[in-house]
Amino acid sequence: MKSPFPLLRIRGKSVLPVVQGGMGVGVSAHRLAGSVAKEGAVGTLASVDLKHHHPDLLEQCHRVRDQDVLNQANLTALDREIKMAKDLSGGEGLIAVNVMKAVADHPAYVRQACESGADAIVMGAGLPFDLPEMAADYPNVALVPILSEVRGIALVLKKWMKKGRKPDAIVIEHPRYAGGHLGAAKIEDLKDEKFNFDIVLAGALELFKEMGVENEIPLIVAGGINSHEKVKDVFSWGASGVQLGTAFAVSTEGDAHPNFKAVLAGARDEDIVEFMSVAGLPARGVLTPWLKNYLKRESFLQTKAKCDASRCTTGLNCLSTCGLRDGIAKIGQFCIDSQLAAALKGEVSKGLFFRGAESLPFGSAMRPVKELIDYLLTGVMPQLNQEDELQRAIA
C-alpha cells in the first residue's frame, strides 16, 4: 500500500512505518512475522524458546536437563523460524528478531539470528551496551535498542558511538501502556511523566542535534498505539514509526492458540494488572486464573525464596537473573518459561498472558494483519460484524 506517512528507512531499506513487536514464548513466530513483512512492514520474531512450535525438538528435549541440548534445540528452532518467515515474506518488508538482554544466552541468540539471515536485531529488557560487539561480523544487520527515556537513549548512543556504531533505529517503549516486560525499575514508576512520548521524542531529537546525528536515527514509539489518530499524533511529535504487540498477537495470522487471542482480545481494563516478573522487571498481563492465584500467594512465596538451581523447573536456566532460581525474594517466584508456554498453547487456567494496557483497534475481533496495518496508516476501518462493532464501542 502507499503510506500517507514517510516510509521508515532502516539500514538502507525503506518499509512501511509499522513494526510488529516481538512477543515470546512463541507468540510472534514465523507466521505472524512473515505475514507482517509480506505487507511491506517490519515483522519480528521473539527469539526465546521457539521450540514449542517444533514437535521434533520438543521430543528431543522431553525430560532432558542437559543445558547444551536445550540451548541447541532453541537455536535450531530460531534458525528454522527465521528462514520460514523470510520465505513467507517473499522478500518484502523486514524480518527482525527480538532478543531480550535479560536472557542468559542472549549472545548466542544474536549470533544465530545474524547467521540465519535476520534483517535486524532488536534488544530490550536491559541496556544493550554490548550489542555492536555481538553483531560485529554482520555489518548489514540493523541494530535496534528498546529504551524508554532520554537518559537511557543518551547512555546507549554514547557507548555505541565510541565503538563506531550508531543505532539503526530506536524503539521508545512507554511502560505505562506496553505489554510484557516494561522499561521501568519499579511498578510505582510506570506512570512517570518522563516516559511520555512527546517528552522523550523532543528530548531524543535535541540529543541527536547535540551529538551530530540529526536525521540519522529513526524513532519508533511502542505502547498504547491503537488508532490512526494516535499514529498521526506521534508522527507530529517527531516519530518515524509505531510498534504494536497485542493488536498483532490477536490477528488472524498470530502464532498463538485461539484461546490465547480470545483472552487478550476479551480483557477489560480491570482484568489488566502490573506485577513484578521473575526477571526483576515490572510486567503487565491479564488477570487469568493462574496469575490471580499467584498474586494471592506472592507474599508467602517470597518468604520461601531460596537460591536453589533445582528450582528451575525446565532446566533451561533461561534468565540471567531469576527470582525463583536465585532466591531473590523481592521479585517474581514462578517459572516464566512454563507459564508463557502454557499461554501459547491456550491453557487459560495455567498460562501467563502478557498484554498491553489499552483497548485494541478492532475490539475483540481477530482480523488479518493487512487490515490492521491499513487502518493504522489510513484510518480506514474494515467492515466489522455487529458484535465486533459493539465490543469496539464498549472498549
Protein backbone atom coordinates (compact mmCIF):
# COMPACT_ATOMS: atom_id res chain seq x y z
CA MET A 1 0.00 0.00 0.00
CA LYS A 2 1.00 3.64 -0.38
CA SER A 3 1.67 5.15 3.03
CA PRO A 4 0.45 8.69 3.81
CA PHE A 5 3.35 8.86 6.27
CA PRO A 6 7.04 8.85 5.32
CA LEU A 7 8.48 5.39 4.89
CA LEU A 8 10.67 4.03 7.68
CA ARG A 9 14.27 3.72 6.48
CA ILE A 10 16.40 1.15 8.30
CA ARG A 11 19.85 0.11 7.15
CA GLY A 12 19.28 1.21 3.58
CA LYS A 13 15.80 -0.30 3.16
CA SER A 14 12.52 1.63 3.14
CA VAL A 15 9.44 -0.05 4.65
CA LEU A 16 6.01 0.93 5.92
CA PRO A 17 6.39 2.71 9.30
CA VAL A 18 4.65 -0.06 11.25
CA VAL A 19 6.56 -2.55 13.40
CA GLN A 20 5.11 -5.71 14.92
CA GLY A 21 6.65 -6.16 18.35
CA GLY A 22 8.41 -9.35 19.42
CA MET A 23 6.36 -11.49 21.80
CA GLY A 24 7.53 -14.70 23.47
CA VAL A 25 7.28 -17.52 24.19
CA GLY A 26 6.38 -18.34 20.58
CA VAL A 27 3.60 -15.75 20.27
CA SER A 28 5.38 -13.98 17.42
CA ALA A 29 6.89 -16.74 15.32
CA HIS A 30 7.29 -17.14 11.57
CA ARG A 31 3.64 -16.95 10.53
CA LEU A 32 2.99 -13.58 12.18
CA ALA A 33 6.38 -12.01 11.44
CA GLY A 34 6.41 -13.24 7.84
CA SER A 35 2.85 -12.05 7.21
CA VAL A 36 3.60 -8.56 8.53
CA ALA A 37 6.77 -8.31 6.43
CA LYS A 38 4.86 -9.54 3.37
CA GLU A 39 2.70 -6.41 3.67
CA GLY A 40 5.85 -4.26 3.50
CA ALA A 41 6.22 -3.56 7.23
CA VAL A 42 8.55 -4.94 9.94
CA GLY A 43 7.73 -8.39 11.31
CA THR A 44 9.51 -9.50 14.47
CA LEU A 45 10.24 -12.96 15.83
CA ALA A 46 10.74 -13.31 19.58
CA SER A 47 13.90 -15.42 19.86
CA VAL A 48 13.36 -17.18 23.17
CA ASP A 49 12.17 -20.80 23.27
CA LEU A 50 10.66 -21.15 19.80
CA LYS A 51 10.98 -24.92 20.08
CA HIS A 52 7.34 -25.04 21.21
CA HIS A 53 6.39 -24.74 17.52
CA HIS A 54 8.51 -27.76 16.58
CA PRO A 55 7.30 -31.18 17.83
CA ASP A 56 10.55 -32.94 16.92
CA LEU A 57 12.56 -30.50 19.05
CA LEU A 58 10.12 -30.82 21.94
CA GLU A 59 10.51 -34.58 21.74
CA GLN A 60 14.30 -34.28 21.81
CA CYS A 61 14.04 -32.14 24.94
CA HIS A 62 11.46 -34.27 26.77
CA ARG A 63 12.74 -34.92 30.31
CA VAL A 64 16.15 -33.55 29.28
CA ARG A 65 18.01 -31.19 31.61
CA ASP A 66 21.30 -31.04 29.73
CA GLN A 67 21.83 -27.30 29.18
CA ASP A 68 23.67 -27.74 25.88
CA VAL A 69 20.90 -29.91 24.40
CA LEU A 70 18.19 -27.45 25.42
CA ASN A 71 20.10 -24.42 24.17
CA GLN A 72 20.86 -26.05 20.82
CA ALA A 73 17.21 -27.00 20.34
CA ASN A 74 16.19 -23.39 20.81
CA LEU A 75 18.86 -22.15 18.40
CA THR A 76 17.71 -24.70 15.83
CA ALA A 77 14.12 -23.52 16.25
CA LEU A 78 15.19 -19.88 15.82
CA ASP A 79 17.07 -20.76 12.62
CA ARG A 80 14.03 -22.56 11.20
CA GLU A 81 11.61 -19.78 12.14
CA ILE A 82 13.73 -17.03 10.60
CA LYS A 83 14.06 -18.91 7.33
CA MET A 84 10.32 -19.70 7.20
CA ALA A 85 9.47 -16.05 7.96
CA LYS A 86 11.79 -14.88 5.19
CA ASP A 87 10.20 -17.32 2.75
CA LEU A 88 6.70 -16.20 3.72
CA SER A 89 7.61 -12.53 3.35
CA GLY A 90 8.58 -13.00 -0.28
CA GLY A 91 11.42 -10.52 0.15
CA GLU A 92 9.12 -7.71 1.24
CA GLY A 93 9.48 -5.65 4.42
CA LEU A 94 11.98 -6.61 7.09
CA ILE A 95 12.33 -9.63 9.36
CA ALA A 96 13.65 -8.62 12.80
CA VAL A 97 14.49 -10.79 15.80
CA ASN A 98 13.84 -9.57 19.33
CA VAL A 99 16.47 -10.77 21.81
CA MET A 100 15.96 -9.98 25.48
CA LYS A 101 19.09 -8.73 27.23
CA ALA A 102 17.76 -10.46 30.37
CA VAL A 103 18.03 -13.89 28.71
CA ALA A 104 21.20 -15.66 29.84
CA ASP A 105 22.11 -16.97 26.39
CA HIS A 106 21.37 -13.72 24.53
CA PRO A 107 24.76 -13.54 22.72
CA ALA A 108 24.10 -16.95 21.13
CA TYR A 109 20.62 -15.84 20.02
CA VAL A 110 22.10 -12.72 18.42
CA ARG A 111 24.73 -14.74 16.55
CA GLN A 112 22.16 -17.31 15.39
CA ALA A 113 19.75 -14.62 14.21
CA CYS A 114 22.50 -12.96 12.18
CA GLU A 115 23.71 -16.26 10.71
CA SER A 116 20.16 -17.26 9.78
CA GLY A 117 19.52 -14.11 7.78
CA ALA A 118 17.60 -11.76 10.07
CA ASP A 119 17.47 -8.20 8.76
CA ALA A 120 17.55 -6.63 12.22
CA ILE A 121 18.22 -7.41 15.88
CA VAL A 122 16.02 -5.65 18.41
CA MET A 123 17.13 -5.77 22.05
CA GLY A 124 15.42 -4.67 25.24
CA ALA A 125 14.92 -5.82 28.87
CA GLY A 126 18.19 -4.15 29.82
CA LEU A 127 20.64 -1.65 28.33
CA PRO A 128 22.22 -3.35 25.28
CA PHE A 129 25.65 -1.77 25.52
CA ASP A 130 27.41 -4.79 24.00
CA LEU A 131 25.08 -5.46 21.05
CA PRO A 132 27.51 -3.94 18.48
CA GLU A 133 30.22 -6.42 19.51
CA MET A 134 27.84 -9.38 19.29
CA ALA A 135 26.86 -8.48 15.73
CA ALA A 136 30.23 -7.15 14.60
CA ASP A 137 30.71 -9.85 11.95
CA TYR A 138 27.37 -8.93 10.33
CA PRO A 139 27.60 -5.23 9.43
CA ASN A 140 24.48 -5.35 7.24
CA VAL A 141 22.22 -6.42 10.09
CA ALA A 142 20.38 -3.46 11.61
CA LEU A 143 20.72 -2.99 15.38
CA VAL A 144 17.76 -1.52 17.26
CA PRO A 145 17.74 -0.98 21.05
CA ILE A 146 14.48 -0.72 23.00
CA LEU A 147 14.62 2.14 25.53
CA SER A 148 12.09 4.17 27.49
CA GLU A 149 13.55 7.56 28.38
CA VAL A 150 16.09 10.12 27.24
CA ARG A 151 18.77 9.20 29.76
CA GLY A 152 18.86 5.60 28.52
CA ILE A 153 18.99 6.76 24.91
CA ALA A 154 21.95 9.04 25.73
CA LEU A 155 23.84 6.27 27.54
CA VAL A 156 23.43 3.75 24.73
CA LEU A 157 24.15 6.25 21.97
CA LYS A 158 27.37 7.47 23.60
CA LYS A 159 28.59 3.91 24.28
CA TRP A 160 27.84 2.76 20.76
CA MET A 161 29.35 5.79 19.03
CA LYS A 162 32.63 5.20 20.88
CA LYS A 163 32.61 1.79 19.18
CA GLY A 164 31.93 3.34 15.78
CA ARG A 165 28.31 2.24 15.53
CA LYS A 166 25.01 4.12 15.72
CA PRO A 167 21.62 2.50 16.30
CA ASP A 168 19.81 1.96 13.01
CA ALA A 169 16.61 2.91 14.85
CA ILE A 170 15.47 3.16 18.46
CA VAL A 171 12.22 1.79 19.83
CA ILE A 172 10.83 4.03 22.59
CA GLU A 173 8.60 1.89 24.80
CA HIS A 174 6.16 3.59 27.16
CA PRO A 175 5.93 1.40 30.29
CA ARG A 176 2.52 2.81 31.18
CA TYR A 177 0.94 1.18 28.12
CA ALA A 178 3.13 -1.64 26.79
CA GLY A 179 2.65 -5.33 27.47
CA GLY A 180 5.07 -7.90 28.85
CA HIS A 181 8.27 -6.72 30.50
CA LEU A 182 8.35 -2.97 31.00
CA GLY A 183 11.12 -0.37 30.86
CA ALA A 184 10.91 0.91 34.42
CA ALA A 185 12.67 -0.17 37.60
CA LYS A 186 9.55 -0.34 39.78
CA ILE A 187 5.80 -0.63 39.34
CA GLU A 188 5.40 2.77 41.01
CA ASP A 189 7.47 4.33 38.20
CA LEU A 190 5.29 3.15 35.31
CA LYS A 191 3.25 6.36 35.13
CA ASP A 192 6.19 8.76 35.47
CA GLU A 193 5.76 11.63 33.00
CA LYS A 194 9.38 11.30 31.89
CA PHE A 195 8.20 8.37 29.75
CA ASN A 196 5.57 10.37 27.83
CA PHE A 197 6.17 10.14 24.09
CA ASP A 198 6.14 13.88 23.46
CA ILE A 199 8.76 14.43 26.17
CA VAL A 200 11.02 11.54 25.11
CA LEU A 201 10.80 12.35 21.40
CA ALA A 202 11.62 16.02 21.95
CA GLY A 203 14.50 15.13 24.26
CA ALA A 204 15.90 12.50 21.91
CA LEU A 205 15.76 14.81 18.89
CA GLU A 206 17.58 17.52 20.85
CA LEU A 207 20.16 14.93 21.95
CA PHE A 208 20.71 13.89 18.34
CA LYS A 209 21.40 17.52 17.39
CA GLU A 210 23.93 17.86 20.20
CA MET A 211 25.70 14.66 19.16
CA GLY A 212 25.74 15.44 15.45
CA VAL A 213 23.41 12.63 14.36
CA GLU A 214 20.34 14.69 13.49
CA ASN A 215 18.01 12.95 11.00
CA GLU A 216 20.11 9.75 11.15
CA ILE A 217 18.27 7.58 13.70
CA PRO A 218 14.55 6.83 13.29
CA LEU A 219 12.49 6.78 16.49
CA ILE A 220 9.74 4.16 16.75
CA VAL A 221 7.20 4.52 19.57
CA ALA A 222 5.68 1.48 21.28
CA GLY A 223 2.86 1.21 23.80
CA GLY A 224 -0.75 2.32 23.59
CA ILE A 225 -0.85 2.89 19.83
CA ASN A 226 -4.33 1.69 18.92
CA SER A 227 -5.70 4.17 16.37
CA HIS A 228 -4.86 6.14 13.26
CA GLU A 229 -5.25 9.32 15.31
CA LYS A 230 -2.52 8.26 17.74
CA VAL A 231 -0.24 7.43 14.81
CA LYS A 232 -0.77 10.97 13.49
CA ASP A 233 -0.03 12.42 16.93
CA VAL A 234 3.30 10.66 17.44
CA PHE A 235 4.43 11.49 13.90
CA SER A 236 3.69 15.16 14.60
CA TRP A 237 5.97 14.89 17.64
CA GLY A 238 8.87 13.54 15.59
CA ALA A 239 8.38 9.77 15.50
CA SER A 240 9.32 7.84 12.36
CA GLY A 241 7.27 4.71 13.09
CA VAL A 242 4.99 2.90 15.50
CA GLN A 243 5.25 -0.53 17.11
CA LEU A 244 2.33 -2.67 18.30
CA GLY A 245 2.32 -6.00 20.08
CA THR A 246 -1.06 -7.08 21.42
CA ALA A 247 -3.01 -5.94 18.34
CA PHE A 248 -0.81 -8.14 16.15
CA ALA A 249 -0.87 -11.03 18.62
CA VAL A 250 -4.65 -11.37 18.21
CA SER A 251 -4.56 -11.10 14.42
CA THR A 252 -5.67 -13.94 12.16
CA GLU A 253 -2.02 -14.77 11.43
CA GLY A 254 -0.88 -14.68 15.07
CA ASP A 255 1.08 -17.82 16.01
CA ALA A 256 -0.61 -18.43 19.38
CA HIS A 257 -3.62 -20.66 20.11
CA PRO A 258 -7.10 -19.15 19.51
CA ASN A 259 -7.70 -19.26 23.30
CA PHE A 260 -4.67 -17.01 23.75
CA LYS A 261 -6.10 -14.48 21.32
CA ALA A 262 -9.51 -14.63 22.99
CA VAL A 263 -8.02 -13.90 26.42
CA LEU A 264 -6.15 -10.84 25.15
CA ALA A 265 -8.95 -9.52 22.96
CA GLY A 266 -11.60 -10.02 25.63
CA ALA A 267 -9.70 -8.44 28.54
CA ARG A 268 -11.35 -5.44 30.19
CA ASP A 269 -9.50 -2.62 31.93
CA GLU A 270 -9.99 -4.27 35.33
CA ASP A 271 -8.53 -7.53 34.01
CA ILE A 272 -5.14 -5.99 33.19
CA VAL A 273 -2.62 -5.80 36.03
CA GLU A 274 1.01 -5.00 36.74
CA PHE A 275 3.28 -7.21 38.83
CA MET A 276 6.97 -7.98 39.32
CA SER A 277 8.29 -10.57 36.91
CA VAL A 278 10.73 -13.28 37.87
CA ALA A 279 13.21 -11.40 35.63
CA GLY A 280 13.26 -8.48 38.09
CA LEU A 281 11.26 -6.13 35.87
CA PRO A 282 7.69 -4.87 36.17
CA ALA A 283 5.36 -6.67 33.78
CA ARG A 284 1.78 -6.32 32.57
CA GLY A 285 -0.66 -9.13 31.83
CA VAL A 286 -4.23 -10.38 32.03
CA LEU A 287 -5.60 -11.45 35.42
CA THR A 288 -6.32 -15.05 34.41
CA PRO A 289 -6.78 -17.86 36.98
CA TRP A 290 -3.07 -18.64 37.27
CA LEU A 291 -2.00 -15.01 37.73
CA LYS A 292 -4.84 -14.30 40.17
CA ASN A 293 -3.81 -17.29 42.29
CA TYR A 294 -0.13 -16.41 42.07
CA LEU A 295 -0.67 -12.82 43.20
CA LYS A 296 -2.68 -14.03 46.19
CA ARG A 297 0.26 -16.23 47.21
CA GLU A 298 3.07 -13.93 46.11
CA SER A 299 3.99 -12.60 49.56
CA PHE A 300 4.03 -16.10 51.03
CA LEU A 301 6.14 -17.45 48.15
CA GLN A 302 8.60 -14.59 48.57
CA THR A 303 9.12 -15.53 52.22
CA LYS A 304 10.15 -19.00 51.00
CA ALA A 305 12.64 -17.74 48.42
CA LYS A 306 15.98 -19.53 48.37
CA CYS A 307 18.86 -19.89 45.97
CA ASP A 308 18.50 -23.37 44.51
CA ALA A 309 19.35 -24.37 40.93
CA SER A 310 16.89 -27.27 41.09
CA ARG A 311 14.03 -24.74 41.29
CA CYS A 312 14.47 -24.16 37.54
CA THR A 313 11.61 -26.44 36.58
CA THR A 314 12.52 -26.67 32.89
CA GLY A 315 16.29 -26.89 33.34
CA LEU A 316 16.62 -24.20 30.69
CA ASN A 317 18.01 -21.53 33.05
CA CYS A 318 16.68 -19.04 30.54
CA LEU A 319 17.23 -15.83 32.51
CA SER A 320 20.41 -14.17 33.70
CA THR A 321 18.54 -13.23 36.87
CA CYS A 322 15.66 -15.41 38.05
CA GLY A 323 13.81 -14.69 41.28
CA LEU A 324 12.75 -18.33 41.68
CA ARG A 325 16.11 -19.97 40.96
CA ASP A 326 18.30 -17.31 42.56
CA GLY A 327 16.21 -16.81 45.69
CA ILE A 328 15.55 -13.10 45.15
CA ALA A 329 12.57 -12.51 47.40
CA LYS A 330 11.58 -9.04 46.19
CA ILE A 331 10.76 -10.19 42.63
CA GLY A 332 8.71 -12.96 40.99
CA GLN A 333 8.64 -16.54 42.28
CA PHE A 334 7.45 -18.61 39.32
CA CYS A 335 8.81 -20.23 36.15
CA ILE A 336 8.19 -17.72 33.41
CA ASP A 337 9.02 -20.13 30.59
CA SER A 338 6.46 -22.69 31.74
CA GLN A 339 3.70 -20.12 32.24
CA LEU A 340 4.28 -18.39 28.91
CA ALA A 341 4.41 -21.74 27.10
CA ALA A 342 1.08 -22.68 28.66
CA ALA A 343 -0.41 -19.40 27.42
CA LEU A 344 0.91 -20.03 23.90
CA LYS A 345 -0.91 -23.38 23.90
CA GLY A 346 -4.14 -21.74 25.04
CA GLU A 347 -4.19 -23.22 28.55
CA VAL A 348 -6.21 -20.43 30.12
CA SER A 349 -6.12 -21.85 33.66
CA LYS A 350 -2.33 -22.27 33.66
CA GLY A 351 -0.85 -19.61 31.42
CA LEU A 352 0.65 -16.16 31.89
CA PHE A 353 -0.88 -13.88 29.26
CA PHE A 354 1.11 -10.70 28.68
CA ARG A 355 -0.92 -7.80 27.25
CA GLY A 356 -0.76 -4.07 26.67
CA ALA A 357 -2.92 -1.73 28.75
CA GLU A 358 -5.02 -0.06 26.05
CA SER A 359 -8.07 -1.19 24.10
CA LEU A 360 -7.48 -2.85 20.73
CA PRO A 361 -8.17 -1.19 17.36
CA PHE A 362 -10.80 -3.76 16.37
CA GLY A 363 -12.17 -4.54 19.83
CA SER A 364 -12.50 -8.30 20.30
CA ALA A 365 -12.35 -9.00 16.54
CA MET A 366 -9.47 -11.06 15.18
CA ARG A 367 -8.63 -9.63 11.77
CA PRO A 368 -5.80 -10.05 9.22
CA VAL A 369 -2.57 -8.07 9.69
CA LYS A 370 -3.19 -6.27 6.39
CA GLU A 371 -6.36 -4.68 7.78
CA LEU A 372 -4.54 -3.58 10.94
CA ILE A 373 -1.68 -2.00 9.01
CA ASP A 374 -4.06 -0.31 6.58
CA TYR A 375 -6.17 1.11 9.43
CA LEU A 376 -3.18 2.46 11.34
CA LEU A 377 -1.83 4.24 8.28
CA THR A 378 -5.02 5.41 6.58
CA GLY A 379 -7.72 5.45 9.26
CA VAL A 380 -9.99 3.30 7.10
CA MET A 381 -11.77 0.84 9.39
CA PRO A 382 -12.57 -2.59 7.91
CA GLN A 383 -16.16 -3.73 7.96
CA LEU A 384 -16.75 -5.48 11.30
CA ASN A 385 -19.76 -7.55 12.25
CA GLN A 386 -22.35 -6.14 14.66
CA GLU A 387 -20.92 -7.89 17.72
CA ASP A 388 -17.39 -6.69 16.94
CA GLU A 389 -18.64 -3.13 16.48
CA LEU A 390 -20.36 -3.32 19.87
CA GLN A 391 -17.24 -4.60 21.59
CA ARG A 392 -15.16 -1.89 19.95
CA ALA A 393 -17.63 0.77 21.13
CA ILE A 394 -17.50 -0.58 24.69
CA ALA A 395 -13.68 -0.60 24.63
